[in-house]
């Protein structure tokens, strides 16, 4: 038994020595990476009305059934007027119609620039009434007896336009027609916002 005990002890010592023999120093190095992502940014840089309240070229009208693109007629009464104001961050244009009447037409021109780092395409426009009334989109056949107080017609092909950084942006216009259902003694106001996406994420409208 004494020999067996000595043998076990010797084996333990041997294994311990083997462990020490295989111990080693070690060190670790790391590879660190960083990604600087680009910014998608578009904004209004100008907005104006052909019937601006500060000018002398006021009051346009349109008659029911006329082609909206060519039916802008200068009225002689010089009554209504329209303002278009860009928000400080350039993301929103507020359009306000003063002293308007059924058949009154506002023509608003906007300019949009790419303020980011990568090409951007215009995906959509969002028009939001300020107040309790409705706005409808319309084609060139104006409907002046519909349920909406205002009707908006876009033209200029802005949807899908691609804007590049540090290059000239794009301009476009839209018409706003006051409908027969408009309420008297009312200031109509709405906001226009644009949505832009990186150029390879654009989805064409249905």
N, C-alpha and C. Protein backbone atom coordinates (compact mmCIF):
# COMPACT_ATOMS: atom_id res chain seq x y z
N UNK A 1 0.83 -1.21 0.00
CA UNK A 1 0.00 0.00 0.00
C UNK A 1 0.86 1.25 0.00
N UNK A 2 1.98 1.18 0.73
CA UNK A 2 2.88 2.33 0.80
C UNK A 2 3.43 2.65 -0.56
N UNK A 3 3.73 1.59 -1.35
CA UNK A 3 4.25 1.81 -2.70
C UNK A 3 3.18 2.43 -3.60
N UNK A 4 1.96 1.96 -3.43
CA UNK A 4 0.87 2.51 -4.25
C UNK A 4 0.66 3.99 -3.94
N UNK A 5 0.71 4.34 -2.65
CA UNK A 5 0.55 5.73 -2.26
C UNK A 5 1.65 6.60 -2.84
N UNK A 6 2.89 6.09 -2.78
CA UNK A 6 3.99 6.87 -3.35
C UNK A 6 3.83 7.03 -4.86
N UNK A 7 3.31 5.99 -5.50
CA UNK A 7 3.10 6.05 -6.95
C UNK A 7 2.05 7.11 -7.30
N UNK A 8 0.97 7.14 -6.56
CA UNK A 8 -0.08 8.15 -6.81
C UNK A 8 0.45 9.56 -6.59
N UNK A 9 1.22 9.73 -5.49
CA UNK A 9 1.79 11.03 -5.21
C UNK A 9 2.74 11.47 -6.32
N UNK A 10 3.55 10.55 -6.79
CA UNK A 10 4.48 10.87 -7.87
C UNK A 10 3.72 11.26 -9.15
N UNK A 11 2.59 10.55 -9.39
CA UNK A 11 1.79 10.86 -10.58
C UNK A 11 1.18 12.26 -10.50
N UNK A 12 0.71 12.62 -9.29
CA UNK A 12 0.14 13.96 -9.11
C UNK A 12 1.19 15.02 -9.33
N UNK A 13 2.37 14.80 -8.76
CA UNK A 13 3.46 15.76 -8.93
C UNK A 13 3.85 15.88 -10.40
N UNK A 14 3.86 14.75 -11.09
CA UNK A 14 4.24 14.75 -12.51
C UNK A 14 3.23 15.54 -13.34
N UNK A 15 1.92 15.30 -13.05
CA UNK A 15 0.89 16.02 -13.79
C UNK A 15 0.95 17.52 -13.50
N UNK A 16 1.23 17.86 -12.24
CA UNK A 16 1.37 19.27 -11.89
C UNK A 16 2.51 19.91 -12.64
N UNK A 17 3.60 19.22 -12.70
CA UNK A 17 4.75 19.74 -13.45
C UNK A 17 4.45 19.86 -14.92
N UNK A 18 3.67 18.90 -15.46
CA UNK A 18 3.29 18.97 -16.86
C UNK A 18 2.45 20.22 -17.15
N UNK A 19 1.53 20.53 -16.21
CA UNK A 19 0.70 21.73 -16.38
C UNK A 19 1.54 22.99 -16.37
N UNK A 20 2.46 23.07 -15.46
CA UNK A 20 3.34 24.23 -15.41
C UNK A 20 4.15 24.35 -16.68
N UNK A 21 4.55 23.18 -17.22
CA UNK A 21 5.35 23.17 -18.43
C UNK A 21 4.59 23.71 -19.63
N UNK A 22 3.27 23.50 -19.66
CA UNK A 22 2.47 23.97 -20.80
C UNK A 22 1.88 25.35 -20.58
N UNK A 23 2.03 25.94 -19.38
CA UNK A 23 1.53 27.30 -19.15
C UNK A 23 2.35 28.27 -19.99
N UNK A 24 1.66 29.33 -20.48
CA UNK A 24 2.38 30.30 -21.30
C UNK A 24 1.76 31.67 -21.13
N UNK A 25 2.51 32.70 -21.49
CA UNK A 25 2.00 34.06 -21.50
C UNK A 25 1.18 34.27 -22.77
N UNK A 26 0.23 35.19 -22.71
CA UNK A 26 -0.60 35.45 -23.88
C UNK A 26 -0.96 36.94 -23.93
N UNK A 27 -1.36 37.37 -25.09
CA UNK A 27 -1.78 38.74 -25.30
C UNK A 27 -2.86 38.74 -26.38
N UNK A 28 -3.64 39.79 -26.44
CA UNK A 28 -4.74 39.88 -27.42
C UNK A 28 -4.68 41.24 -28.11
N UNK A 29 -4.84 41.24 -29.41
CA UNK A 29 -4.96 42.49 -30.14
C UNK A 29 -6.36 42.57 -30.75
N UNK A 30 -6.88 43.79 -30.88
CA UNK A 30 -8.24 44.01 -31.38
C UNK A 30 -8.19 44.83 -32.67
N UNK A 31 -9.13 44.55 -33.54
CA UNK A 31 -9.35 45.38 -34.72
C UNK A 31 -10.65 46.13 -34.50
N UNK A 32 -10.59 47.46 -34.50
CA UNK A 32 -11.76 48.28 -34.30
C UNK A 32 -12.13 48.98 -35.61
N UNK A 33 -13.41 49.00 -35.91
CA UNK A 33 -13.88 49.65 -37.13
C UNK A 33 -14.91 50.71 -36.81
N UNK A 34 -15.05 51.69 -37.69
CA UNK A 34 -16.07 52.71 -37.54
C UNK A 34 -16.70 53.01 -38.89
N UNK A 35 -17.98 53.32 -38.87
CA UNK A 35 -18.72 53.65 -40.08
C UNK A 35 -19.34 55.02 -39.90
N UNK A 36 -19.04 55.92 -40.80
CA UNK A 36 -19.63 57.25 -40.78
C UNK A 36 -20.77 57.29 -41.80
N UNK A 37 -22.03 57.23 -41.33
CA UNK A 37 -23.16 57.14 -42.24
C UNK A 37 -23.50 58.52 -42.83
N UNK A 38 -24.08 58.47 -44.01
CA UNK A 38 -24.47 59.70 -44.70
C UNK A 38 -25.80 60.21 -44.17
N UNK A 39 -26.17 61.39 -44.60
CA UNK A 39 -27.43 62.00 -44.17
C UNK A 39 -28.34 62.21 -45.36
N UNK A 40 -29.60 61.78 -45.22
CA UNK A 40 -30.62 62.08 -46.21
C UNK A 40 -31.33 63.35 -45.77
N UNK A 41 -31.30 64.36 -46.63
CA UNK A 41 -31.87 65.66 -46.24
C UNK A 41 -32.35 66.39 -47.50
N UNK A 42 -33.61 66.79 -47.51
CA UNK A 42 -34.12 67.68 -48.53
C UNK A 42 -34.90 68.79 -47.84
N UNK A 43 -34.99 69.93 -48.49
CA UNK A 43 -35.70 71.04 -47.88
C UNK A 43 -36.15 72.05 -48.90
N UNK A 44 -37.19 72.79 -48.55
CA UNK A 44 -37.65 73.90 -49.38
C UNK A 44 -36.65 75.05 -49.25
N UNK A 45 -36.26 75.62 -50.37
CA UNK A 45 -35.38 76.78 -50.34
C UNK A 45 -36.08 78.05 -50.83
N UNK A 46 -37.21 77.89 -51.48
CA UNK A 46 -38.01 79.06 -51.83
C UNK A 46 -39.46 78.64 -52.04
N UNK A 47 -40.35 79.57 -51.78
CA UNK A 47 -41.79 79.34 -51.99
C UNK A 47 -42.43 80.69 -52.24
N UNK A 48 -43.25 80.77 -53.27
CA UNK A 48 -43.87 82.05 -53.60
C UNK A 48 -45.20 81.80 -54.29
N UNK A 49 -46.07 82.78 -54.21
CA UNK A 49 -47.37 82.72 -54.87
C UNK A 49 -47.41 83.73 -56.01
N UNK A 50 -48.01 83.34 -57.12
CA UNK A 50 -48.19 84.28 -58.23
C UNK A 50 -49.17 85.38 -57.84
N UNK A 51 -49.90 85.14 -56.78
CA UNK A 51 -50.91 86.09 -56.32
C UNK A 51 -50.56 86.54 -54.91
N UNK A 52 -49.29 86.87 -54.72
CA UNK A 52 -48.80 87.20 -53.39
C UNK A 52 -49.47 88.46 -52.83
N UNK A 53 -49.66 88.47 -51.53
CA UNK A 53 -50.36 89.58 -50.90
C UNK A 53 -49.54 90.88 -50.91
N UNK A 54 -48.24 90.77 -51.14
CA UNK A 54 -47.39 91.97 -51.15
C UNK A 54 -47.13 92.50 -52.55
N UNK A 55 -47.71 91.85 -53.57
CA UNK A 55 -47.45 92.28 -54.94
C UNK A 55 -48.69 92.96 -55.51
N UNK A 56 -48.54 93.42 -56.72
CA UNK A 56 -49.67 94.07 -57.39
C UNK A 56 -50.31 93.17 -58.44
N UNK A 57 -49.90 91.93 -58.50
CA UNK A 57 -50.45 90.99 -59.49
C UNK A 57 -51.33 89.98 -58.76
N UNK A 58 -52.45 90.45 -58.29
CA UNK A 58 -53.31 89.61 -57.45
C UNK A 58 -54.53 89.11 -58.20
N UNK A 59 -55.12 88.09 -57.59
CA UNK A 59 -56.45 87.61 -57.92
C UNK A 59 -56.53 86.88 -59.26
N UNK A 60 -56.39 85.58 -59.18
CA UNK A 60 -56.57 84.71 -60.32
C UNK A 60 -57.83 83.89 -60.10
N UNK A 61 -58.50 83.54 -61.19
CA UNK A 61 -59.72 82.74 -61.08
C UNK A 61 -59.70 81.62 -62.12
N UNK A 62 -60.59 80.67 -61.95
CA UNK A 62 -60.77 79.61 -62.92
C UNK A 62 -62.26 79.30 -63.01
N UNK A 63 -62.71 79.00 -64.21
CA UNK A 63 -64.11 78.68 -64.40
C UNK A 63 -64.30 77.16 -64.45
N UNK A 64 -65.41 76.66 -63.92
CA UNK A 64 -65.67 75.21 -63.95
C UNK A 64 -65.61 74.66 -65.38
N UNK A 65 -64.97 73.50 -65.52
CA UNK A 65 -64.90 72.85 -66.82
C UNK A 65 -63.71 73.23 -67.65
N UNK A 66 -62.99 74.27 -67.27
CA UNK A 66 -61.81 74.66 -68.04
C UNK A 66 -60.61 73.80 -67.65
N UNK A 67 -59.69 73.66 -68.58
CA UNK A 67 -58.47 72.91 -68.31
C UNK A 67 -57.65 73.68 -67.27
N UNK A 68 -57.33 73.00 -66.17
CA UNK A 68 -56.71 73.71 -65.06
C UNK A 68 -55.34 74.29 -65.42
N UNK A 69 -54.63 73.68 -66.34
CA UNK A 69 -53.28 74.14 -66.63
C UNK A 69 -53.28 75.47 -67.38
N UNK A 70 -54.34 75.74 -68.13
CA UNK A 70 -54.36 76.94 -68.96
C UNK A 70 -55.45 77.91 -68.56
N UNK A 71 -56.15 77.62 -67.47
CA UNK A 71 -57.33 78.42 -67.13
C UNK A 71 -57.05 79.50 -66.10
N UNK A 72 -55.80 79.80 -65.83
CA UNK A 72 -55.48 80.86 -64.88
C UNK A 72 -55.78 82.21 -65.55
N UNK A 73 -56.72 82.92 -65.01
CA UNK A 73 -57.15 84.19 -65.59
C UNK A 73 -56.99 85.30 -64.57
N UNK A 74 -56.36 86.37 -64.95
CA UNK A 74 -56.21 87.52 -64.06
C UNK A 74 -57.55 88.22 -63.91
N UNK A 75 -58.03 88.31 -62.69
CA UNK A 75 -59.27 89.02 -62.42
C UNK A 75 -58.98 90.52 -62.31
N UNK A 76 -60.00 91.30 -62.43
CA UNK A 76 -59.82 92.75 -62.39
C UNK A 76 -60.19 93.35 -61.04
N UNK A 77 -60.69 92.53 -60.14
CA UNK A 77 -61.15 93.06 -58.86
C UNK A 77 -60.01 93.18 -57.84
N UNK A 78 -58.97 92.38 -58.03
CA UNK A 78 -57.81 92.46 -57.12
C UNK A 78 -58.25 92.29 -55.67
N UNK A 79 -58.89 91.14 -55.39
CA UNK A 79 -59.50 90.91 -54.08
C UNK A 79 -58.69 89.94 -53.24
N UNK A 80 -58.65 88.67 -53.65
CA UNK A 80 -57.96 87.65 -52.86
C UNK A 80 -56.46 87.69 -53.04
N UNK A 81 -55.75 87.04 -52.12
CA UNK A 81 -54.30 86.90 -52.24
C UNK A 81 -53.84 85.70 -51.43
N UNK A 82 -52.61 85.27 -51.69
CA UNK A 82 -52.08 84.04 -51.10
C UNK A 82 -50.63 84.25 -50.66
N UNK A 83 -50.28 83.72 -49.50
CA UNK A 83 -48.89 83.73 -49.05
C UNK A 83 -48.38 82.30 -48.94
N UNK A 84 -47.07 82.13 -49.13
CA UNK A 84 -46.40 80.84 -48.98
C UNK A 84 -45.13 81.08 -48.17
N UNK A 85 -45.07 80.51 -46.95
CA UNK A 85 -43.98 80.79 -46.02
C UNK A 85 -43.29 79.48 -45.65
N UNK A 86 -41.95 79.48 -45.75
CA UNK A 86 -41.16 78.30 -45.40
C UNK A 86 -40.83 78.32 -43.91
N UNK A 87 -40.94 77.16 -43.26
CA UNK A 87 -40.57 77.05 -41.85
C UNK A 87 -39.07 77.23 -41.69
N UNK A 88 -38.60 77.60 -40.48
CA UNK A 88 -37.15 77.82 -40.27
C UNK A 88 -36.28 76.62 -40.62
N UNK A 89 -36.79 75.39 -40.45
CA UNK A 89 -35.98 74.21 -40.75
C UNK A 89 -36.09 73.80 -42.22
N UNK A 90 -36.88 74.51 -43.00
CA UNK A 90 -36.99 74.22 -44.42
C UNK A 90 -37.82 73.00 -44.78
N UNK A 91 -38.51 72.41 -43.81
CA UNK A 91 -39.23 71.16 -44.05
C UNK A 91 -40.69 71.36 -44.42
N UNK A 92 -41.23 72.53 -44.17
CA UNK A 92 -42.66 72.75 -44.36
C UNK A 92 -42.90 74.11 -45.01
N UNK A 93 -43.87 74.15 -45.89
CA UNK A 93 -44.37 75.41 -46.44
C UNK A 93 -45.81 75.58 -45.96
N UNK A 94 -46.11 76.74 -45.41
CA UNK A 94 -47.46 77.06 -44.98
C UNK A 94 -48.09 78.00 -46.00
N UNK A 95 -49.19 77.57 -46.58
CA UNK A 95 -49.90 78.35 -47.59
C UNK A 95 -51.18 78.90 -46.96
N UNK A 96 -51.41 80.19 -47.11
CA UNK A 96 -52.58 80.84 -46.53
C UNK A 96 -53.31 81.65 -47.59
N UNK A 97 -54.61 81.43 -47.70
CA UNK A 97 -55.46 82.14 -48.65
C UNK A 97 -56.31 83.16 -47.90
N UNK A 98 -56.21 84.41 -48.33
CA UNK A 98 -56.95 85.49 -47.69
C UNK A 98 -58.03 86.03 -48.63
N UNK A 99 -59.18 86.30 -48.07
CA UNK A 99 -60.27 86.95 -48.81
C UNK A 99 -60.61 86.22 -50.11
N UNK A 100 -60.49 84.90 -50.05
CA UNK A 100 -60.76 84.09 -51.23
C UNK A 100 -62.26 83.84 -51.39
N UNK A 101 -62.64 83.28 -52.54
CA UNK A 101 -64.05 83.05 -52.85
C UNK A 101 -64.12 81.86 -53.79
N UNK A 102 -65.30 81.23 -53.95
CA UNK A 102 -65.41 80.09 -54.87
C UNK A 102 -64.98 80.47 -56.28
N UNK A 103 -64.05 79.69 -56.82
CA UNK A 103 -63.48 79.99 -58.13
C UNK A 103 -62.13 80.67 -58.05
N UNK A 104 -61.75 81.14 -56.85
CA UNK A 104 -60.44 81.77 -56.69
C UNK A 104 -59.35 80.72 -56.83
N UNK A 105 -58.28 81.08 -57.51
CA UNK A 105 -57.20 80.15 -57.80
C UNK A 105 -55.87 80.71 -57.34
N UNK A 106 -55.13 79.93 -56.60
CA UNK A 106 -53.78 80.31 -56.18
C UNK A 106 -52.77 79.41 -56.89
N UNK A 107 -51.70 80.00 -57.38
CA UNK A 107 -50.63 79.27 -58.05
C UNK A 107 -49.36 79.46 -57.22
N UNK A 108 -48.87 78.38 -56.62
CA UNK A 108 -47.73 78.45 -55.71
C UNK A 108 -46.54 77.72 -56.32
N UNK A 109 -45.39 78.38 -56.34
CA UNK A 109 -44.17 77.77 -56.87
C UNK A 109 -43.21 77.49 -55.73
N UNK A 110 -42.60 76.31 -55.76
CA UNK A 110 -41.65 75.92 -54.72
C UNK A 110 -40.34 75.46 -55.36
N UNK A 111 -39.28 75.53 -54.57
CA UNK A 111 -37.97 75.02 -55.00
C UNK A 111 -37.42 74.13 -53.89
N UNK A 112 -36.87 72.98 -54.27
CA UNK A 112 -36.39 71.99 -53.31
C UNK A 112 -34.94 71.67 -53.60
N UNK A 113 -34.11 71.65 -52.56
CA UNK A 113 -32.69 71.32 -52.68
C UNK A 113 -32.34 70.10 -51.84
N UNK A 114 -31.24 69.44 -52.23
CA UNK A 114 -30.67 68.35 -51.45
C UNK A 114 -29.68 68.94 -50.47
N UNK A 115 -29.97 68.83 -49.17
CA UNK A 115 -29.09 69.37 -48.13
C UNK A 115 -28.31 68.26 -47.43
N UNK A 116 -28.31 67.06 -48.00
CA UNK A 116 -27.62 65.93 -47.38
C UNK A 116 -26.36 65.55 -48.12
N UNK A 117 -25.99 64.27 -47.99
CA UNK A 117 -24.71 63.78 -48.51
C UNK A 117 -24.85 62.77 -49.64
N UNK A 118 -26.05 62.27 -49.89
CA UNK A 118 -26.24 61.25 -50.92
C UNK A 118 -27.41 61.66 -51.81
N UNK A 119 -27.48 61.11 -53.03
CA UNK A 119 -28.61 61.43 -53.91
C UNK A 119 -29.94 61.02 -53.27
N UNK A 120 -30.95 61.85 -53.48
CA UNK A 120 -32.27 61.62 -52.89
C UNK A 120 -33.31 61.78 -53.99
N UNK A 121 -34.36 60.97 -53.91
CA UNK A 121 -35.49 61.11 -54.82
C UNK A 121 -36.73 61.53 -54.03
N UNK A 122 -37.55 62.37 -54.64
CA UNK A 122 -38.76 62.84 -53.98
C UNK A 122 -39.81 61.74 -54.05
N UNK A 123 -40.24 61.29 -52.89
CA UNK A 123 -41.18 60.18 -52.81
C UNK A 123 -42.64 60.65 -52.78
N UNK A 124 -42.90 61.71 -52.01
CA UNK A 124 -44.31 62.08 -51.84
C UNK A 124 -44.43 63.49 -51.26
N UNK A 125 -45.62 64.05 -51.38
CA UNK A 125 -45.99 65.30 -50.73
C UNK A 125 -47.17 65.03 -49.80
N UNK A 126 -47.16 65.70 -48.67
CA UNK A 126 -48.27 65.56 -47.71
C UNK A 126 -48.87 66.95 -47.50
N UNK A 127 -50.16 67.07 -47.75
CA UNK A 127 -50.87 68.33 -47.57
C UNK A 127 -51.81 68.17 -46.38
N UNK A 128 -51.68 69.06 -45.40
CA UNK A 128 -52.46 68.95 -44.17
C UNK A 128 -53.21 70.25 -43.92
N UNK A 129 -54.54 70.19 -43.87
CA UNK A 129 -55.30 71.40 -43.56
C UNK A 129 -55.03 71.89 -42.14
N UNK A 130 -54.97 73.19 -41.97
CA UNK A 130 -54.90 73.78 -40.63
C UNK A 130 -56.31 74.24 -40.30
N UNK A 131 -57.01 73.45 -39.51
CA UNK A 131 -58.41 73.75 -39.21
C UNK A 131 -59.30 72.61 -39.63
N UNK A 132 -60.58 72.78 -39.42
CA UNK A 132 -61.56 71.72 -39.65
C UNK A 132 -62.17 71.86 -41.05
N UNK A 133 -61.41 71.44 -42.04
CA UNK A 133 -61.93 71.41 -43.40
C UNK A 133 -61.12 70.39 -44.19
N UNK A 134 -61.51 70.12 -45.42
CA UNK A 134 -60.86 69.07 -46.20
C UNK A 134 -60.28 69.63 -47.48
N UNK A 135 -59.25 68.96 -47.96
CA UNK A 135 -58.60 69.30 -49.22
C UNK A 135 -58.60 68.04 -50.08
N UNK A 136 -58.94 68.18 -51.34
CA UNK A 136 -58.93 67.04 -52.25
C UNK A 136 -57.93 67.28 -53.36
N UNK A 137 -57.32 66.19 -53.82
CA UNK A 137 -56.48 66.27 -55.02
C UNK A 137 -57.40 66.21 -56.23
N UNK A 138 -56.99 66.81 -57.32
CA UNK A 138 -57.87 66.88 -58.48
C UNK A 138 -57.05 66.77 -59.75
N UNK A 139 -57.74 66.37 -60.81
CA UNK A 139 -57.09 66.40 -62.12
C UNK A 139 -57.47 67.71 -62.80
N UNK A 140 -57.30 67.79 -64.11
CA UNK A 140 -57.53 69.06 -64.79
C UNK A 140 -59.01 69.39 -64.96
N UNK A 141 -59.87 68.45 -64.73
CA UNK A 141 -61.30 68.73 -64.78
C UNK A 141 -61.75 69.15 -63.39
N UNK A 142 -61.72 70.45 -63.14
CA UNK A 142 -62.05 70.95 -61.82
C UNK A 142 -63.47 70.57 -61.43
N UNK A 143 -63.62 70.14 -60.19
CA UNK A 143 -64.94 69.84 -59.66
C UNK A 143 -65.24 70.91 -58.62
N UNK A 144 -66.14 71.81 -58.94
CA UNK A 144 -66.40 72.94 -58.05
C UNK A 144 -67.67 72.78 -57.22
N UNK A 145 -68.16 71.56 -57.15
CA UNK A 145 -69.33 71.31 -56.29
C UNK A 145 -69.10 70.08 -55.43
N UNK A 146 -67.83 69.74 -55.18
CA UNK A 146 -67.50 68.55 -54.42
C UNK A 146 -67.55 68.79 -52.92
N UNK A 147 -67.15 67.80 -52.15
CA UNK A 147 -67.25 67.90 -50.68
C UNK A 147 -66.11 68.68 -50.05
N UNK A 148 -65.05 68.97 -50.78
CA UNK A 148 -63.89 69.62 -50.20
C UNK A 148 -63.93 71.12 -50.44
N UNK A 149 -63.46 71.87 -49.44
CA UNK A 149 -63.43 73.32 -49.58
C UNK A 149 -62.34 73.79 -50.54
N UNK A 150 -61.22 73.04 -50.57
CA UNK A 150 -60.12 73.37 -51.46
C UNK A 150 -59.76 72.16 -52.29
N UNK A 151 -59.27 72.40 -53.51
CA UNK A 151 -58.76 71.34 -54.37
C UNK A 151 -57.36 71.72 -54.80
N UNK A 152 -56.45 70.74 -54.84
CA UNK A 152 -55.05 70.99 -55.17
C UNK A 152 -54.66 70.17 -56.39
N UNK A 153 -54.00 70.80 -57.31
CA UNK A 153 -53.48 70.14 -58.50
C UNK A 153 -51.97 70.34 -58.58
N UNK A 154 -51.21 69.24 -58.53
CA UNK A 154 -49.76 69.33 -58.69
C UNK A 154 -49.42 69.28 -60.17
N UNK A 155 -48.43 70.02 -60.58
CA UNK A 155 -47.88 69.85 -61.91
C UNK A 155 -46.40 70.23 -61.86
N UNK A 156 -45.66 69.72 -62.81
CA UNK A 156 -44.22 69.96 -62.81
C UNK A 156 -43.41 68.68 -62.63
N UNK A 157 -44.09 67.55 -62.36
CA UNK A 157 -43.41 66.26 -62.31
C UNK A 157 -42.39 66.11 -61.20
N UNK A 158 -42.68 66.60 -60.02
CA UNK A 158 -41.69 66.54 -58.94
C UNK A 158 -41.54 65.15 -58.33
N UNK A 159 -42.62 64.38 -58.31
CA UNK A 159 -42.53 63.05 -57.73
C UNK A 159 -41.54 62.20 -58.55
N UNK A 160 -40.57 61.62 -57.86
CA UNK A 160 -39.56 60.80 -58.52
C UNK A 160 -38.33 61.55 -58.95
N UNK A 161 -38.34 62.86 -58.87
CA UNK A 161 -37.16 63.65 -59.25
C UNK A 161 -35.98 63.32 -58.33
N UNK A 162 -34.80 63.21 -58.92
CA UNK A 162 -33.60 62.90 -58.15
C UNK A 162 -32.78 64.17 -57.93
N UNK A 163 -32.38 64.38 -56.68
CA UNK A 163 -31.60 65.56 -56.31
C UNK A 163 -30.23 65.10 -55.81
N UNK A 164 -29.20 65.75 -56.31
CA UNK A 164 -27.83 65.41 -55.92
C UNK A 164 -27.27 66.47 -54.98
N UNK A 165 -26.40 66.04 -54.05
CA UNK A 165 -25.79 67.02 -53.13
C UNK A 165 -24.98 68.07 -53.90
N UNK A 166 -25.01 69.27 -53.38
CA UNK A 166 -24.20 70.36 -53.92
C UNK A 166 -24.52 70.68 -55.38
N UNK A 167 -25.72 70.34 -55.81
CA UNK A 167 -26.15 70.70 -57.15
C UNK A 167 -27.47 71.45 -57.08
N UNK A 168 -27.82 72.11 -58.17
CA UNK A 168 -29.08 72.83 -58.25
C UNK A 168 -30.24 71.87 -58.04
N UNK A 169 -31.23 72.29 -57.25
CA UNK A 169 -32.38 71.43 -56.97
C UNK A 169 -33.42 71.49 -58.08
N UNK A 170 -34.67 71.25 -57.70
CA UNK A 170 -35.75 71.24 -58.68
C UNK A 170 -36.85 72.19 -58.24
N UNK A 171 -37.59 72.68 -59.21
CA UNK A 171 -38.72 73.57 -58.94
C UNK A 171 -40.00 72.93 -59.46
N UNK A 172 -41.09 73.29 -58.85
CA UNK A 172 -42.39 72.81 -59.28
C UNK A 172 -43.48 73.73 -58.78
N UNK A 173 -44.70 73.46 -59.19
CA UNK A 173 -45.81 74.31 -58.81
C UNK A 173 -47.04 73.48 -58.50
N UNK A 174 -47.95 74.09 -57.79
CA UNK A 174 -49.26 73.48 -57.59
C UNK A 174 -50.31 74.58 -57.56
N UNK A 175 -51.50 74.20 -57.99
CA UNK A 175 -52.63 75.11 -58.02
C UNK A 175 -53.58 74.77 -56.88
N UNK A 176 -54.16 75.79 -56.29
CA UNK A 176 -55.14 75.60 -55.22
C UNK A 176 -56.42 76.32 -55.63
N UNK A 177 -57.50 75.57 -55.74
CA UNK A 177 -58.78 76.14 -56.14
C UNK A 177 -59.74 76.14 -54.96
N UNK A 178 -60.40 77.27 -54.74
CA UNK A 178 -61.41 77.38 -53.70
C UNK A 178 -62.74 76.87 -54.26
N UNK A 179 -63.31 75.90 -53.55
CA UNK A 179 -64.52 75.23 -54.03
C UNK A 179 -65.78 76.00 -53.63
N UNK A 180 -66.90 75.61 -54.24
CA UNK A 180 -68.18 76.22 -53.91
C UNK A 180 -68.59 75.97 -52.45
N UNK A 181 -68.06 74.90 -51.86
CA UNK A 181 -68.43 74.57 -50.48
C UNK A 181 -67.62 75.35 -49.45
N UNK A 182 -66.74 76.25 -49.88
CA UNK A 182 -65.95 77.05 -48.94
C UNK A 182 -66.87 77.92 -48.09
N UNK A 183 -66.44 78.15 -46.86
CA UNK A 183 -67.23 78.92 -45.90
C UNK A 183 -66.84 80.40 -45.99
N UNK A 184 -67.83 81.26 -45.92
CA UNK A 184 -67.56 82.69 -45.97
C UNK A 184 -66.80 83.16 -44.73
N UNK A 185 -66.10 84.26 -44.90
CA UNK A 185 -65.37 84.91 -43.80
C UNK A 185 -64.43 83.92 -43.11
N UNK A 186 -63.65 83.19 -43.91
CA UNK A 186 -62.73 82.17 -43.39
C UNK A 186 -61.36 82.33 -44.04
N UNK A 187 -60.32 82.25 -43.24
CA UNK A 187 -58.96 82.21 -43.76
C UNK A 187 -58.56 80.73 -43.89
N UNK A 188 -58.29 80.29 -45.10
CA UNK A 188 -57.90 78.91 -45.33
C UNK A 188 -56.38 78.79 -45.34
N UNK A 189 -55.91 77.83 -44.57
CA UNK A 189 -54.47 77.63 -44.41
C UNK A 189 -54.18 76.14 -44.42
N UNK A 190 -53.05 75.76 -45.04
CA UNK A 190 -52.62 74.36 -45.02
C UNK A 190 -51.11 74.30 -45.13
N UNK A 191 -50.56 73.16 -44.74
CA UNK A 191 -49.11 72.96 -44.80
C UNK A 191 -48.79 71.92 -45.86
N UNK A 192 -47.62 72.07 -46.45
CA UNK A 192 -47.12 71.14 -47.45
C UNK A 192 -45.78 70.61 -46.96
N UNK A 193 -45.66 69.29 -46.87
CA UNK A 193 -44.42 68.65 -46.47
C UNK A 193 -43.97 67.70 -47.58
N UNK A 194 -42.68 67.52 -47.71
CA UNK A 194 -42.15 66.61 -48.71
C UNK A 194 -41.45 65.45 -48.03
N UNK A 195 -41.50 64.30 -48.68
CA UNK A 195 -40.79 63.11 -48.21
C UNK A 195 -39.75 62.73 -49.25
N UNK A 196 -38.51 62.61 -48.83
CA UNK A 196 -37.44 62.19 -49.72
C UNK A 196 -36.80 60.90 -49.20
N UNK A 197 -36.37 60.04 -50.11
CA UNK A 197 -35.72 58.79 -49.74
C UNK A 197 -34.41 58.67 -50.52
N UNK A 198 -33.49 57.86 -50.00
CA UNK A 198 -32.26 57.64 -50.75
C UNK A 198 -32.63 57.06 -52.11
N UNK A 199 -31.83 57.40 -53.11
CA UNK A 199 -32.23 57.18 -54.50
C UNK A 199 -32.58 55.73 -54.80
N UNK A 200 -31.95 54.76 -54.13
CA UNK A 200 -32.20 53.36 -54.46
C UNK A 200 -33.36 52.76 -53.67
N UNK A 201 -34.04 53.56 -52.85
CA UNK A 201 -35.19 53.09 -52.08
C UNK A 201 -36.50 53.67 -52.60
N UNK A 202 -36.45 54.40 -53.69
CA UNK A 202 -37.66 55.05 -54.22
C UNK A 202 -38.65 54.02 -54.72
N UNK A 203 -39.93 54.24 -54.40
CA UNK A 203 -41.01 53.39 -54.87
C UNK A 203 -41.94 54.21 -55.76
N UNK A 204 -42.06 53.83 -57.02
CA UNK A 204 -42.92 54.57 -57.94
C UNK A 204 -44.37 54.46 -57.51
N UNK A 205 -45.15 55.53 -57.62
CA UNK A 205 -46.58 55.47 -57.26
C UNK A 205 -47.32 54.46 -58.12
N UNK A 206 -48.37 53.91 -57.53
CA UNK A 206 -49.21 52.95 -58.29
C UNK A 206 -49.99 53.66 -59.38
